[in-house]
Amino acid sequence: MADDGSIDTARGRVKTAAGELTGDQSLKNEGRVDRASGSLKDKIGDAADKVRDALHHDKH
């Protein structure tokens, strides 16, 4: 299953493209926000994974 960041990024790409096709600036902006949110979630998830791995590594 894809993580939340990937889903938000994909949703943002669709909204941005739809906004471009229809000339809807508001929809394009929503897409940009969704993409940024997805990217941020991915970075937070990556950082959490690194912390988790470091903690797990210290136990062995």
N, C-alpha and C. Protein backbone atom coordinates (compact mmCIF):
# COMPACT_ATOMS: atom_id res chain seq x y z
N MET A 1 0.83 -1.17 0.00
CA MET A 1 0.00 0.00 0.00
C MET A 1 0.88 1.25 0.00
N ALA A 2 0.53 2.23 -0.79
CA ALA A 2 1.29 3.48 -0.85
C ALA A 2 1.10 4.27 0.44
N ASP A 3 2.12 5.04 0.76
CA ASP A 3 1.99 5.85 1.97
C ASP A 3 1.22 7.14 1.67
N ASP A 4 0.84 7.86 2.71
CA ASP A 4 0.03 9.06 2.57
C ASP A 4 0.71 10.12 1.70
N GLY A 5 2.02 10.25 1.83
CA GLY A 5 2.74 11.24 1.04
C GLY A 5 2.63 10.99 -0.45
N SER A 6 2.75 9.75 -0.84
CA SER A 6 2.65 9.40 -2.26
C SER A 6 1.25 9.65 -2.79
N ILE A 7 0.27 9.36 -1.96
CA ILE A 7 -1.12 9.58 -2.37
C ILE A 7 -1.39 11.08 -2.55
N ASP A 8 -0.94 11.88 -1.59
CA ASP A 8 -1.12 13.33 -1.70
C ASP A 8 -0.40 13.89 -2.92
N THR A 9 0.80 13.40 -3.17
CA THR A 9 1.56 13.87 -4.32
C THR A 9 0.83 13.54 -5.62
N ALA A 10 0.33 12.32 -5.73
CA ALA A 10 -0.40 11.91 -6.93
C ALA A 10 -1.68 12.73 -7.09
N ARG A 11 -2.40 12.91 -5.99
CA ARG A 11 -3.64 13.70 -6.02
C ARG A 11 -3.32 15.13 -6.47
N GLY A 12 -2.21 15.66 -5.97
CA GLY A 12 -1.82 17.00 -6.36
C GLY A 12 -1.49 17.12 -7.83
N ARG A 13 -0.82 16.11 -8.36
CA ARG A 13 -0.49 16.12 -9.79
C ARG A 13 -1.77 16.11 -10.64
N VAL A 14 -2.74 15.32 -10.22
CA VAL A 14 -4.00 15.25 -10.96
C VAL A 14 -4.73 16.59 -10.90
N LYS A 15 -4.79 17.17 -9.71
CA LYS A 15 -5.48 18.46 -9.56
C LYS A 15 -4.78 19.55 -10.36
N THR A 16 -3.46 19.56 -10.31
CA THR A 16 -2.71 20.57 -11.05
C THR A 16 -2.97 20.43 -12.55
N ALA A 17 -2.92 19.21 -13.05
CA ALA A 17 -3.17 18.98 -14.47
C ALA A 17 -4.59 19.36 -14.85
N ALA A 18 -5.55 18.99 -14.01
CA ALA A 18 -6.95 19.33 -14.29
C ALA A 18 -7.14 20.84 -14.29
N GLY A 19 -6.49 21.51 -13.35
CA GLY A 19 -6.59 22.96 -13.31
C GLY A 19 -5.99 23.62 -14.53
N GLU A 20 -4.88 23.06 -15.00
CA GLU A 20 -4.25 23.59 -16.22
C GLU A 20 -5.15 23.38 -17.43
N LEU A 21 -5.77 22.21 -17.52
CA LEU A 21 -6.64 21.92 -18.66
C LEU A 21 -7.89 22.77 -18.68
N THR A 22 -8.43 23.05 -17.50
CA THR A 22 -9.69 23.80 -17.42
C THR A 22 -9.48 25.29 -17.19
N GLY A 23 -8.24 25.70 -16.93
CA GLY A 23 -7.98 27.10 -16.65
C GLY A 23 -8.42 27.52 -15.25
N ASP A 24 -8.58 26.54 -14.36
CA ASP A 24 -9.03 26.80 -12.99
C ASP A 24 -7.81 27.00 -12.08
N GLN A 25 -7.49 28.27 -11.81
CA GLN A 25 -6.32 28.59 -11.01
C GLN A 25 -6.44 28.05 -9.59
N SER A 26 -7.64 28.07 -9.04
CA SER A 26 -7.87 27.57 -7.68
C SER A 26 -7.53 26.07 -7.59
N LEU A 27 -7.95 25.31 -8.59
CA LEU A 27 -7.67 23.87 -8.62
C LEU A 27 -6.17 23.63 -8.78
N LYS A 28 -5.52 24.43 -9.61
CA LYS A 28 -4.06 24.32 -9.77
C LYS A 28 -3.38 24.57 -8.44
N ASN A 29 -3.83 25.59 -7.72
CA ASN A 29 -3.23 25.90 -6.43
C ASN A 29 -3.46 24.79 -5.41
N GLU A 30 -4.66 24.21 -5.42
CA GLU A 30 -4.93 23.06 -4.54
C GLU A 30 -3.97 21.93 -4.85
N GLY A 31 -3.74 21.70 -6.12
CA GLY A 31 -2.81 20.65 -6.53
C GLY A 31 -1.40 20.91 -6.03
N ARG A 32 -0.98 22.15 -6.11
CA ARG A 32 0.37 22.50 -5.63
C ARG A 32 0.47 22.27 -4.12
N VAL A 33 -0.58 22.64 -3.40
CA VAL A 33 -0.58 22.44 -1.94
C VAL A 33 -0.54 20.94 -1.62
N ASP A 34 -1.34 20.15 -2.33
CA ASP A 34 -1.34 18.69 -2.10
C ASP A 34 0.03 18.09 -2.39
N ARG A 35 0.67 18.54 -3.47
CA ARG A 35 1.99 18.01 -3.81
C ARG A 35 3.01 18.39 -2.74
N ALA A 36 2.96 19.61 -2.26
CA ALA A 36 3.89 20.04 -1.21
C ALA A 36 3.64 19.26 0.07
N SER A 37 2.38 19.05 0.39
CA SER A 37 2.02 18.28 1.58
C SER A 37 2.54 16.84 1.47
N GLY A 38 2.37 16.25 0.30
CA GLY A 38 2.86 14.89 0.08
C GLY A 38 4.37 14.80 0.22
N SER A 39 5.06 15.78 -0.32
CA SER A 39 6.52 15.81 -0.23
C SER A 39 6.96 15.93 1.23
N LEU A 40 6.30 16.79 1.97
CA LEU A 40 6.63 16.97 3.38
C LEU A 40 6.38 15.69 4.18
N LYS A 41 5.24 15.04 3.92
CA LYS A 41 4.93 13.78 4.61
C LYS A 41 5.99 12.73 4.31
N ASP A 42 6.44 12.68 3.05
CA ASP A 42 7.48 11.71 2.68
C ASP A 42 8.77 11.99 3.44
N LYS A 43 9.15 13.27 3.53
CA LYS A 43 10.39 13.62 4.23
C LYS A 43 10.29 13.31 5.72
N ILE A 44 9.15 13.58 6.31
CA ILE A 44 8.96 13.27 7.73
C ILE A 44 9.02 11.75 7.93
N GLY A 45 8.39 11.02 7.04
CA GLY A 45 8.42 9.56 7.12
C GLY A 45 9.83 9.01 6.98
N ASP A 46 10.60 9.59 6.06
CA ASP A 46 11.99 9.15 5.88
C ASP A 46 12.81 9.41 7.14
N ALA A 47 12.60 10.59 7.73
CA ALA A 47 13.34 10.92 8.96
C ALA A 47 12.94 9.97 10.09
N ALA A 48 11.66 9.67 10.21
CA ALA A 48 11.20 8.74 11.24
C ALA A 48 11.80 7.36 11.04
N ASP A 49 11.88 6.94 9.77
CA ASP A 49 12.49 5.64 9.47
C ASP A 49 13.96 5.60 9.88
N LYS A 50 14.67 6.69 9.64
CA LYS A 50 16.09 6.74 10.01
C LYS A 50 16.26 6.67 11.52
N VAL A 51 15.40 7.37 12.24
CA VAL A 51 15.47 7.33 13.71
C VAL A 51 15.15 5.92 14.19
N ARG A 52 14.12 5.33 13.64
CA ARG A 52 13.71 3.98 14.02
C ARG A 52 14.84 2.98 13.74
N ASP A 53 15.46 3.12 12.57
CA ASP A 53 16.57 2.23 12.22
C ASP A 53 17.76 2.41 13.16
N ALA A 54 18.05 3.66 13.50
CA ALA A 54 19.16 3.93 14.42
C ALA A 54 18.88 3.35 15.79
N LEU A 55 17.67 3.47 16.27
CA LEU A 55 17.31 2.90 17.56
C LEU A 55 17.36 1.38 17.54
N HIS A 56 16.88 0.80 16.46
CA HIS A 56 16.89 -0.65 16.31
C HIS A 56 18.33 -1.17 16.21
N HIS A 57 19.17 -0.42 15.48
CA HIS A 57 20.57 -0.82 15.32
C HIS A 57 21.30 -0.81 16.66
N ASP A 58 20.98 0.15 17.51
CA ASP A 58 21.63 0.25 18.82
C ASP A 58 21.28 -0.90 19.73
N LYS A 59 20.14 -1.56 19.50
CA LYS A 59 19.72 -2.68 20.36
C LYS A 59 20.49 -3.95 20.07
N HIS A 60 21.12 -4.01 18.90
CA HIS A 60 21.86 -5.23 18.52
C HIS A 60 23.32 -5.10 18.73
